[in-house]
Amino acid sequence: MSSKRNHSKSMAYQEFGHNSNSEVFERGVPDIPPQQQNIRIQATRSGRKGKTVTVITGFQHSPDTLNKLLKQLKNKCGSGGTMKNDTLEIQGDHRDKLLTVLGELGYKVKISGG
């Protein structure tokens, strides 16, 4: 005789109340001007099944500002991309193009890695 447990996702234990207060859990990252940010651009393949991805790190912006910047960079490069934590990933090797575009936007940019 097997006992089946009735697991209900709606009855999960929540220690700190409901998830409806999502603004409480958002990070309070101030938008620092581009001139005060040190951005690193690196092309990598590790963990991506041989596909080259350009990774841009060092941003100190809110997620909304990063999403707008990501959309702008994807349009300039003509490729897809995503945002993970505070890093932007653009599909393909676009180091030189991103160096010029971010430099024109006022960021202090360096290419890191080989």
C-alpha atoms as a PDB file:
ATOM      1  CA  MET A   1       0.000   0.000   0.000  1.00  0.00           C
ATOM      2  CA  SER A   2       1.615   3.241  -1.102  1.00  0.00           C
ATOM      3  CA  SER A   3       0.849   6.509   0.523  1.00  0.00           C
ATOM      4  CA  LYS A   4       0.485   9.470  -1.773  1.00  0.00           C
ATOM      5  CA  ARG A   5       1.153  12.866  -0.371  1.00  0.00           C
ATOM      6  CA  ASN A   6      -0.871  15.785  -1.529  1.00  0.00           C
ATOM      7  CA  HIS A   7       1.597  18.575  -2.229  1.00  0.00           C
ATOM      8  CA  SER A   8      -0.026  21.902  -2.788  1.00  0.00           C
ATOM      9  CA  LYS A   9       2.092  24.752  -4.059  1.00  0.00           C
ATOM     10  CA  SER A  10      -0.352  27.321  -2.784  1.00  0.00           C
ATOM     11  CA  MET A  11       0.027  26.082   0.778  1.00  0.00           C
ATOM     12  CA  ALA A  12       3.807  26.543   0.958  1.00  0.00           C
ATOM     13  CA  TYR A  13       5.267  28.069   4.088  1.00  0.00           C
ATOM     14  CA  GLN A  14       6.259  31.714   3.731  1.00  0.00           C
ATOM     15  CA  GLU A  15       8.217  33.128   6.603  1.00  0.00           C
ATOM     16  CA  PHE A  16       8.214  36.756   5.529  1.00  0.00           C
ATOM     17  CA  GLY A  17       4.709  37.195   4.181  1.00  0.00           C
ATOM     18  CA  HIS A  18       3.423  37.293   0.654  1.00  0.00           C
ATOM     19  CA  ASN A  19       5.420  37.761  -2.530  1.00  0.00           C
ATOM     20  CA  SER A  20       3.194  40.706  -3.457  1.00  0.00           C
ATOM     21  CA  ASN A  21       5.710  43.080  -1.821  1.00  0.00           C
ATOM     22  CA  SER A  22       8.322  42.480  -4.499  1.00  0.00           C
ATOM     23  CA  GLU A  23       9.561  46.081  -4.354  1.00  0.00           C
ATOM     24  CA  VAL A  24      10.962  45.303  -0.897  1.00  0.00           C
ATOM     25  CA  PHE A  25      13.238  42.610  -2.326  1.00  0.00           C
ATOM     26  CA  GLU A  26      14.657  44.678  -5.206  1.00  0.00           C
ATOM     27  CA  ARG A  27      18.248  45.838  -4.855  1.00  0.00           C
ATOM     28  CA  GLY A  28      18.729  49.512  -4.267  1.00  0.00           C
ATOM     29  CA  VAL A  29      21.517  50.162  -6.778  1.00  0.00           C
ATOM     30  CA  PRO A  30      22.066  53.835  -7.533  1.00  0.00           C
ATOM     31  CA  ASP A  31      22.549  54.868 -11.140  1.00  0.00           C
ATOM     32  CA  ILE A  32      26.152  56.070 -11.197  1.00  0.00           C
ATOM     33  CA  PRO A  33      27.081  58.289 -14.170  1.00  0.00           C
ATOM     34  CA  PRO A  34      28.861  56.447 -17.008  1.00  0.00           C
ATOM     35  CA  GLN A  35      32.062  58.481 -16.552  1.00  0.00           C
ATOM     36  CA  GLN A  36      32.518  56.978 -13.067  1.00  0.00           C
ATOM     37  CA  GLN A  37      32.107  53.338 -14.116  1.00  0.00           C
ATOM     38  CA  ASN A  38      34.882  50.969 -15.194  1.00  0.00           C
ATOM     39  CA  ILE A  39      33.493  48.531 -17.740  1.00  0.00           C
ATOM     40  CA  ARG A  40      35.244  45.346 -18.910  1.00  0.00           C
ATOM     41  CA  ILE A  41      34.495  43.605 -22.206  1.00  0.00           C
ATOM     42  CA  GLN A  42      35.518  39.993 -22.735  1.00  0.00           C
ATOM     43  CA  ALA A  43      34.720  37.363 -25.366  1.00  0.00           C
ATOM     44  CA  THR A  44      34.307  33.863 -23.947  1.00  0.00           C
ATOM     45  CA  ARG A  45      33.130  30.398 -24.924  1.00  0.00           C
ATOM     46  CA  SER A  46      33.287  28.633 -21.565  1.00  0.00           C
ATOM     47  CA  GLY A  47      30.102  26.800 -20.645  1.00  0.00           C
ATOM     48  CA  ARG A  48      28.332  27.773 -23.861  1.00  0.00           C
ATOM     49  CA  LYS A  49      28.882  24.692 -26.051  1.00  0.00           C
ATOM     50  CA  GLY A  50      31.498  26.406 -28.225  1.00  0.00           C
ATOM     51  CA  LYS A  51      29.425  29.512 -28.982  1.00  0.00           C
ATOM     52  CA  THR A  52      31.235  32.826 -28.558  1.00  0.00           C
ATOM     53  CA  VAL A  53      29.573  35.380 -26.297  1.00  0.00           C
ATOM     54  CA  THR A  54      30.761  38.905 -25.477  1.00  0.00           C
ATOM     55  CA  VAL A  55      30.407  39.518 -21.733  1.00  0.00           C
ATOM     56  CA  ILE A  56      30.259  43.090 -20.414  1.00  0.00           C
ATOM     57  CA  THR A  57      30.788  43.550 -16.661  1.00  0.00           C
ATOM     58  CA  GLY A  58      31.214  46.389 -14.184  1.00  0.00           C
ATOM     59  CA  PHE A  59      27.878  48.169 -14.526  1.00  0.00           C
ATOM     60  CA  GLN A  60      26.408  49.953 -11.527  1.00  0.00           C
ATOM     61  CA  HIS A  61      22.898  50.669 -12.765  1.00  0.00           C
ATOM     62  CA  SER A  62      19.386  49.658 -11.837  1.00  0.00           C
ATOM     63  CA  PRO A  63      17.966  46.643 -13.720  1.00  0.00           C
ATOM     64  CA  ASP A  64      15.659  48.922 -15.749  1.00  0.00           C
ATOM     65  CA  THR A  65      18.565  51.049 -16.967  1.00  0.00           C
ATOM     66  CA  LEU A  66      20.580  47.914 -17.796  1.00  0.00           C
ATOM     67  CA  ASN A  67      17.676  46.507 -19.829  1.00  0.00           C
ATOM     68  CA  LYS A  68      17.471  49.722 -21.867  1.00  0.00           C
ATOM     69  CA  LEU A  69      21.232  49.685 -22.424  1.00  0.00           C
ATOM     70  CA  LEU A  70      21.140  46.002 -23.399  1.00  0.00           C
ATOM     71  CA  LYS A  71      18.462  46.663 -26.000  1.00  0.00           C
ATOM     72  CA  GLN A  72      20.518  49.525 -27.427  1.00  0.00           C
ATOM     73  CA  LEU A  73      23.684  47.389 -27.609  1.00  0.00           C
ATOM     74  CA  LYS A  74      21.875  44.454 -29.207  1.00  0.00           C
ATOM     75  CA  ASN A  75      20.530  46.776 -31.907  1.00  0.00           C
ATOM     76  CA  LYS A  76      24.007  48.191 -32.609  1.00  0.00           C
ATOM     77  CA  CYS A  77      25.505  44.685 -32.881  1.00  0.00           C
ATOM     78  CA  GLY A  78      22.580  43.154 -34.740  1.00  0.00           C
ATOM     79  CA  SER A  79      22.453  40.119 -32.472  1.00  0.00           C
ATOM     80  CA  GLY A  80      20.719  38.717 -29.419  1.00  0.00           C
ATOM     81  CA  GLY A  81      21.736  38.933 -25.830  1.00  0.00           C
ATOM     82  CA  THR A  82      20.679  38.688 -22.213  1.00  0.00           C
ATOM     83  CA  MET A  83      21.258  40.160 -18.785  1.00  0.00           C
ATOM     84  CA  LYS A  84      22.467  37.924 -15.948  1.00  0.00           C
ATOM     85  CA  ASN A  85      22.932  39.576 -12.554  1.00  0.00           C
ATOM     86  CA  ASP A  86      24.815  42.779 -13.402  1.00  0.00           C
ATOM     87  CA  THR A  87      26.491  41.486 -16.564  1.00  0.00           C
ATOM     88  CA  LEU A  88      25.326  41.857 -20.138  1.00  0.00           C
ATOM     89  CA  GLU A  89      25.914  39.072 -22.651  1.00  0.00           C
ATOM     90  CA  ILE A  90      25.808  39.718 -26.396  1.00  0.00           C
ATOM     91  CA  GLN A  91      25.868  36.749 -28.771  1.00  0.00           C
ATOM     92  CA  GLY A  92      28.996  36.665 -30.935  1.00  0.00           C
ATOM     93  CA  ASP A  93      32.361  38.410 -30.721  1.00  0.00           C
ATOM     94  CA  HIS A  94      31.586  42.152 -30.760  1.00  0.00           C
ATOM     95  CA  ARG A  95      34.393  43.458 -28.535  1.00  0.00           C
ATOM     96  CA  ASP A  96      35.623  46.193 -30.872  1.00  0.00           C
ATOM     97  CA  LYS A  97      32.158  47.451 -31.772  1.00  0.00           C
ATOM     98  CA  LEU A  98      31.033  47.495 -28.131  1.00  0.00           C
ATOM     99  CA  LEU A  99      34.237  49.292 -27.129  1.00  0.00           C
ATOM    100  CA  THR A 100      33.402  52.146 -29.506  1.00  0.00           C
ATOM    101  CA  VAL A 101      29.673  52.267 -28.696  1.00  0.00           C
ATOM    102  CA  LEU A 102      30.160  52.277 -24.918  1.00  0.00           C
ATOM    103  CA  GLY A 103      32.976  54.812 -25.254  1.00  0.00           C
ATOM    104  CA  GLU A 104      30.642  57.124 -27.180  1.00  0.00           C
ATOM    105  CA  LEU A 105      28.083  56.747 -24.368  1.00  0.00           C
ATOM    106  CA  GLY A 106      30.689  58.010 -21.903  1.00  0.00           C
ATOM    107  CA  TYR A 107      31.803  54.789 -20.174  1.00  0.00           C
ATOM    108  CA  LYS A 108      35.439  54.036 -19.332  1.00  0.00           C
ATOM    109  CA  VAL A 109      35.856  50.752 -21.210  1.00  0.00           C
ATOM    110  CA  LYS A 110      38.673  48.208 -21.448  1.00  0.00           C
ATOM    111  CA  ILE A 111      38.909  44.894 -23.253  1.00  0.00           C
ATOM    112  CA  SER A 112      40.043  42.177 -20.881  1.00  0.00           C
ATOM    113  CA  GLY A 113      41.218  38.668 -21.654  1.00  0.00           C
ATOM    114  CA  GLY A 114      42.917  37.398 -24.757  1.00  0.00           C
END
